[in-house]
Amino acid sequence: MEESTKAFSSAEGVKVLSHEEVVRGDEVVFIGKLKNEGKATARNFSIEVELFDKDKKFVDVCRESLYSTTIKSGEERNFKVSCGGCRNRPVPTHASYTVRLASSM
């Protein structure tokens, strides 16, 4: 697998500081760190990880809702997005990914 792309984005002042892909048996997870660089407490958002094949064609998306999580101004928070995976439904083969925050409610 090629080295994954690193897409940093923000929503409501929250930025993705870092992330990495980790394979745990049949499961693929993406772990990283968020930081709220805004002035207000951030809440009610989700993290999406889009998977792409070697030709940059979209193959799947994994999401983690953070609706019960709050991040105060200046605070950092770890995150994990699981992409499941099992013998009957493995995580699609992918060469790269992007991480982004979906907007708050």
N, C-alpha and C. Protein backbone atom coordinates (compact mmCIF):
# COMPACT_ATOMS: atom_id res chain seq x y z
N MET A 1 0.84 -1.17 0.00
CA MET A 1 0.00 0.00 0.00
C MET A 1 0.88 1.24 0.00
N GLU A 2 0.51 2.20 -0.80
CA GLU A 2 1.24 3.47 -0.84
C GLU A 2 1.07 4.21 0.47
N GLU A 3 1.96 5.13 0.72
CA GLU A 3 1.80 5.97 1.91
C GLU A 3 0.52 6.76 1.77
N SER A 4 -0.24 6.81 2.82
CA SER A 4 -1.53 7.49 2.79
C SER A 4 -1.36 8.99 2.69
N THR A 5 -2.28 9.62 1.99
CA THR A 5 -2.24 11.07 1.89
C THR A 5 -2.66 11.68 3.22
N LYS A 6 -2.27 12.89 3.45
CA LYS A 6 -2.64 13.58 4.67
C LYS A 6 -3.42 14.83 4.30
N ALA A 7 -4.71 14.76 4.50
CA ALA A 7 -5.57 15.90 4.20
C ALA A 7 -5.96 16.55 5.52
N PHE A 8 -5.51 17.74 5.76
CA PHE A 8 -5.87 18.45 6.98
C PHE A 8 -6.98 19.43 6.65
N SER A 9 -8.01 19.41 7.43
CA SER A 9 -9.13 20.32 7.20
C SER A 9 -9.68 20.79 8.53
N SER A 10 -10.59 21.72 8.48
CA SER A 10 -11.18 22.21 9.72
C SER A 10 -12.68 22.40 9.55
N ALA A 11 -13.39 22.37 10.65
CA ALA A 11 -14.82 22.65 10.71
C ALA A 11 -15.08 23.34 12.04
N GLU A 12 -15.65 24.52 11.97
CA GLU A 12 -15.95 25.27 13.20
C GLU A 12 -14.72 25.51 14.06
N GLY A 13 -13.55 25.74 13.46
CA GLY A 13 -12.34 26.02 14.21
C GLY A 13 -11.56 24.80 14.64
N VAL A 14 -12.10 23.59 14.42
CA VAL A 14 -11.40 22.37 14.79
C VAL A 14 -10.54 21.90 13.62
N LYS A 15 -9.29 21.58 13.91
CA LYS A 15 -8.36 21.11 12.86
C LYS A 15 -7.90 19.70 13.17
N VAL A 16 -7.64 18.95 12.12
CA VAL A 16 -7.02 17.64 12.24
C VAL A 16 -5.52 17.89 12.27
N LEU A 17 -4.89 17.65 13.42
CA LEU A 17 -3.46 17.90 13.57
C LEU A 17 -2.62 16.78 12.98
N SER A 18 -3.06 15.55 13.19
CA SER A 18 -2.31 14.39 12.70
C SER A 18 -3.25 13.20 12.58
N HIS A 19 -2.82 12.22 11.79
CA HIS A 19 -3.58 10.97 11.68
C HIS A 19 -2.72 9.89 11.05
N GLU A 20 -3.09 8.64 11.32
CA GLU A 20 -2.40 7.51 10.72
C GLU A 20 -3.36 6.34 10.63
N GLU A 21 -3.06 5.44 9.70
CA GLU A 21 -3.83 4.23 9.49
C GLU A 21 -3.17 3.09 10.26
N VAL A 22 -3.98 2.30 10.99
CA VAL A 22 -3.48 1.18 11.76
C VAL A 22 -4.32 -0.05 11.43
N VAL A 23 -3.67 -1.15 11.11
CA VAL A 23 -4.37 -2.41 10.83
C VAL A 23 -4.30 -3.27 12.08
N ARG A 24 -5.47 -3.69 12.55
CA ARG A 24 -5.57 -4.54 13.74
C ARG A 24 -6.36 -5.79 13.37
N GLY A 25 -5.66 -6.81 12.94
CA GLY A 25 -6.33 -8.03 12.47
C GLY A 25 -7.08 -7.73 11.18
N ASP A 26 -8.39 -7.97 11.18
CA ASP A 26 -9.22 -7.69 10.01
C ASP A 26 -9.74 -6.25 10.01
N GLU A 27 -9.50 -5.54 11.09
CA GLU A 27 -10.03 -4.18 11.23
C GLU A 27 -8.98 -3.14 10.82
N VAL A 28 -9.45 -2.08 10.17
CA VAL A 28 -8.61 -0.94 9.84
C VAL A 28 -9.14 0.24 10.63
N VAL A 29 -8.27 0.91 11.37
CA VAL A 29 -8.67 2.09 12.13
C VAL A 29 -7.76 3.25 11.76
N PHE A 30 -8.30 4.43 11.89
CA PHE A 30 -7.54 5.66 11.66
C PHE A 30 -7.54 6.41 12.99
N ILE A 31 -6.36 6.69 13.50
CA ILE A 31 -6.25 7.39 14.77
C ILE A 31 -5.53 8.71 14.54
N GLY A 32 -5.84 9.67 15.39
CA GLY A 32 -5.20 10.97 15.22
C GLY A 32 -5.55 11.92 16.33
N LYS A 33 -5.27 13.18 16.07
CA LYS A 33 -5.48 14.23 17.08
C LYS A 33 -6.15 15.42 16.44
N LEU A 34 -7.13 15.97 17.18
CA LEU A 34 -7.85 17.19 16.78
C LEU A 34 -7.44 18.32 17.71
N LYS A 35 -7.56 19.55 17.21
CA LYS A 35 -7.36 20.73 18.07
C LYS A 35 -8.39 21.78 17.69
N ASN A 36 -8.99 22.34 18.71
CA ASN A 36 -9.94 23.44 18.50
C ASN A 36 -9.16 24.75 18.53
N GLU A 37 -8.99 25.34 17.35
CA GLU A 37 -8.30 26.62 17.25
C GLU A 37 -9.27 27.78 17.18
N GLY A 38 -10.56 27.47 17.33
CA GLY A 38 -11.58 28.52 17.33
C GLY A 38 -11.73 29.13 18.71
N LYS A 39 -12.62 30.10 18.82
CA LYS A 39 -12.84 30.78 20.10
C LYS A 39 -13.95 30.14 20.91
N ALA A 40 -14.85 29.38 20.25
CA ALA A 40 -15.98 28.76 20.94
C ALA A 40 -15.75 27.26 21.14
N THR A 41 -16.46 26.68 22.09
CA THR A 41 -16.42 25.24 22.28
C THR A 41 -17.06 24.56 21.07
N ALA A 42 -16.38 23.57 20.52
CA ALA A 42 -16.89 22.84 19.35
C ALA A 42 -17.62 21.59 19.83
N ARG A 43 -18.70 21.27 19.14
CA ARG A 43 -19.48 20.07 19.47
C ARG A 43 -20.28 19.65 18.25
N ASN A 44 -20.79 18.44 18.30
CA ASN A 44 -21.70 17.93 17.27
C ASN A 44 -21.11 17.91 15.86
N PHE A 45 -20.05 17.14 15.68
CA PHE A 45 -19.47 16.97 14.35
C PHE A 45 -19.06 15.51 14.19
N SER A 46 -18.64 15.16 12.99
CA SER A 46 -18.18 13.80 12.74
C SER A 46 -16.91 13.84 11.91
N ILE A 47 -16.16 12.75 11.97
CA ILE A 47 -14.94 12.60 11.19
C ILE A 47 -15.22 11.58 10.11
N GLU A 48 -14.85 11.91 8.88
CA GLU A 48 -15.02 11.01 7.75
C GLU A 48 -13.65 10.67 7.16
N VAL A 49 -13.45 9.40 6.87
CA VAL A 49 -12.24 8.94 6.20
C VAL A 49 -12.67 8.34 4.87
N GLU A 50 -12.25 8.96 3.78
CA GLU A 50 -12.57 8.46 2.45
C GLU A 50 -11.38 7.64 1.94
N LEU A 51 -11.68 6.44 1.41
CA LEU A 51 -10.66 5.53 0.91
C LEU A 51 -10.64 5.57 -0.62
N PHE A 52 -9.42 5.54 -1.20
CA PHE A 52 -9.24 5.61 -2.65
C PHE A 52 -8.31 4.49 -3.11
N ASP A 53 -8.55 3.98 -4.32
CA ASP A 53 -7.67 2.96 -4.87
C ASP A 53 -6.44 3.62 -5.49
N LYS A 54 -5.58 2.81 -6.12
CA LYS A 54 -4.32 3.33 -6.66
C LYS A 54 -4.53 4.33 -7.79
N ASP A 55 -5.72 4.31 -8.42
CA ASP A 55 -6.04 5.25 -9.49
C ASP A 55 -6.80 6.48 -8.97
N LYS A 56 -6.82 6.64 -7.65
CA LYS A 56 -7.50 7.76 -6.97
C LYS A 56 -9.03 7.68 -7.10
N LYS A 57 -9.55 6.48 -7.38
CA LYS A 57 -10.99 6.27 -7.46
C LYS A 57 -11.53 5.97 -6.06
N PHE A 58 -12.62 6.63 -5.69
CA PHE A 58 -13.25 6.45 -4.39
C PHE A 58 -13.76 5.02 -4.25
N VAL A 59 -13.47 4.37 -3.09
CA VAL A 59 -13.93 3.00 -2.88
C VAL A 59 -14.79 2.82 -1.63
N ASP A 60 -14.67 3.69 -0.64
CA ASP A 60 -15.49 3.55 0.57
C ASP A 60 -15.30 4.77 1.47
N VAL A 61 -16.19 4.90 2.45
CA VAL A 61 -16.07 5.94 3.46
C VAL A 61 -16.36 5.34 4.83
N CYS A 62 -15.61 5.78 5.83
CA CYS A 62 -15.81 5.36 7.21
C CYS A 62 -16.09 6.63 8.02
N ARG A 63 -17.01 6.53 8.98
CA ARG A 63 -17.39 7.72 9.77
C ARG A 63 -17.41 7.40 11.26
N GLU A 64 -17.13 8.43 12.02
CA GLU A 64 -17.27 8.36 13.48
C GLU A 64 -17.94 9.65 13.93
N SER A 65 -19.09 9.51 14.57
CA SER A 65 -19.82 10.67 15.07
C SER A 65 -19.27 11.08 16.42
N LEU A 66 -19.08 12.37 16.61
CA LEU A 66 -18.60 12.92 17.87
C LEU A 66 -19.66 13.86 18.45
N TYR A 67 -20.90 13.41 18.42
CA TYR A 67 -22.00 14.27 18.85
C TYR A 67 -22.04 14.47 20.36
N SER A 68 -21.45 13.58 21.13
CA SER A 68 -21.44 13.77 22.58
C SER A 68 -20.10 14.33 23.06
N THR A 69 -19.20 14.62 22.13
CA THR A 69 -17.88 15.14 22.48
C THR A 69 -17.85 16.66 22.35
N THR A 70 -17.24 17.31 23.31
CA THR A 70 -17.02 18.75 23.21
C THR A 70 -15.51 18.99 23.27
N ILE A 71 -15.07 19.98 22.52
CA ILE A 71 -13.66 20.36 22.54
C ILE A 71 -13.61 21.87 22.79
N LYS A 72 -13.10 22.25 23.94
CA LYS A 72 -13.01 23.66 24.29
C LYS A 72 -11.94 24.35 23.46
N SER A 73 -12.04 25.65 23.37
CA SER A 73 -11.06 26.46 22.65
C SER A 73 -9.66 26.16 23.16
N GLY A 74 -8.73 25.86 22.25
CA GLY A 74 -7.35 25.57 22.61
C GLY A 74 -7.10 24.13 23.01
N GLU A 75 -8.14 23.34 23.20
CA GLU A 75 -8.01 21.97 23.66
C GLU A 75 -7.69 21.01 22.51
N GLU A 76 -6.93 19.96 22.82
CA GLU A 76 -6.64 18.90 21.86
C GLU A 76 -7.36 17.63 22.31
N ARG A 77 -7.72 16.80 21.34
CA ARG A 77 -8.45 15.56 21.64
C ARG A 77 -8.05 14.48 20.65
N ASN A 78 -7.82 13.26 21.14
CA ASN A 78 -7.53 12.12 20.27
C ASN A 78 -8.82 11.62 19.64
N PHE A 79 -8.70 10.97 18.46
CA PHE A 79 -9.87 10.36 17.84
C PHE A 79 -9.50 9.02 17.21
N LYS A 80 -10.54 8.20 16.97
CA LYS A 80 -10.37 6.93 16.29
C LYS A 80 -11.59 6.71 15.40
N VAL A 81 -11.33 6.36 14.14
CA VAL A 81 -12.39 6.02 13.21
C VAL A 81 -12.15 4.57 12.79
N SER A 82 -13.13 3.70 13.07
CA SER A 82 -13.02 2.29 12.71
C SER A 82 -13.66 2.05 11.36
N CYS A 83 -13.00 1.25 10.55
CA CYS A 83 -13.55 0.88 9.25
C CYS A 83 -13.98 -0.58 9.24
N GLY A 84 -14.17 -1.15 10.41
CA GLY A 84 -14.69 -2.51 10.49
C GLY A 84 -13.76 -3.50 9.83
N GLY A 85 -14.39 -4.41 9.11
CA GLY A 85 -13.62 -5.45 8.44
C GLY A 85 -13.86 -6.79 9.10
N CYS A 86 -14.23 -7.74 8.32
CA CYS A 86 -14.41 -9.11 8.76
C CYS A 86 -14.27 -10.00 7.54
N ARG A 87 -14.25 -11.31 7.73
CA ARG A 87 -14.06 -12.23 6.61
C ARG A 87 -15.13 -12.05 5.54
N ASN A 88 -16.37 -11.85 5.95
CA ASN A 88 -17.47 -11.72 4.99
C ASN A 88 -17.55 -10.34 4.35
N ARG A 89 -17.00 -9.35 4.99
CA ARG A 89 -17.05 -7.97 4.48
C ARG A 89 -15.78 -7.23 4.86
N PRO A 90 -14.68 -7.52 4.17
CA PRO A 90 -13.41 -6.87 4.51
C PRO A 90 -13.40 -5.40 4.08
N VAL A 91 -12.50 -4.65 4.68
CA VAL A 91 -12.29 -3.27 4.28
C VAL A 91 -11.76 -3.29 2.85
N PRO A 92 -12.31 -2.49 1.95
CA PRO A 92 -11.84 -2.50 0.56
C PRO A 92 -10.35 -2.18 0.46
N THR A 93 -9.71 -2.80 -0.50
CA THR A 93 -8.31 -2.49 -0.77
C THR A 93 -8.21 -1.03 -1.17
N HIS A 94 -7.28 -0.34 -0.57
CA HIS A 94 -7.11 1.08 -0.87
C HIS A 94 -5.63 1.45 -0.82
N ALA A 95 -5.29 2.51 -1.53
CA ALA A 95 -3.91 2.97 -1.60
C ALA A 95 -3.70 4.28 -0.87
N SER A 96 -4.77 5.04 -0.69
CA SER A 96 -4.66 6.33 -0.01
C SER A 96 -5.98 6.65 0.68
N TYR A 97 -5.96 7.69 1.49
CA TYR A 97 -7.17 8.12 2.18
C TYR A 97 -7.08 9.61 2.49
N THR A 98 -8.23 10.19 2.77
CA THR A 98 -8.28 11.57 3.26
C THR A 98 -9.13 11.59 4.53
N VAL A 99 -8.81 12.50 5.42
CA VAL A 99 -9.55 12.68 6.67
C VAL A 99 -10.14 14.07 6.64
N ARG A 100 -11.45 14.17 6.97
CA ARG A 100 -12.05 15.50 7.04
C ARG A 100 -13.13 15.51 8.11
N LEU A 101 -13.44 16.70 8.56
CA LEU A 101 -14.49 16.89 9.55
C LEU A 101 -15.76 17.32 8.84
N ALA A 102 -16.86 16.69 9.22
CA ALA A 102 -18.16 17.11 8.71
C ALA A 102 -18.64 18.25 9.61
N SER A 103 -19.40 19.16 9.06
CA SER A 103 -19.80 20.36 9.80
C SER A 103 -20.65 20.05 11.01
N SER A 104 -20.59 20.97 11.95
CA SER A 104 -21.36 20.86 13.20
C SER A 104 -22.83 21.11 12.94
N MET A 105 -23.63 20.71 13.91
CA MET A 105 -25.07 21.01 13.87
C MET A 105 -25.32 22.26 14.68
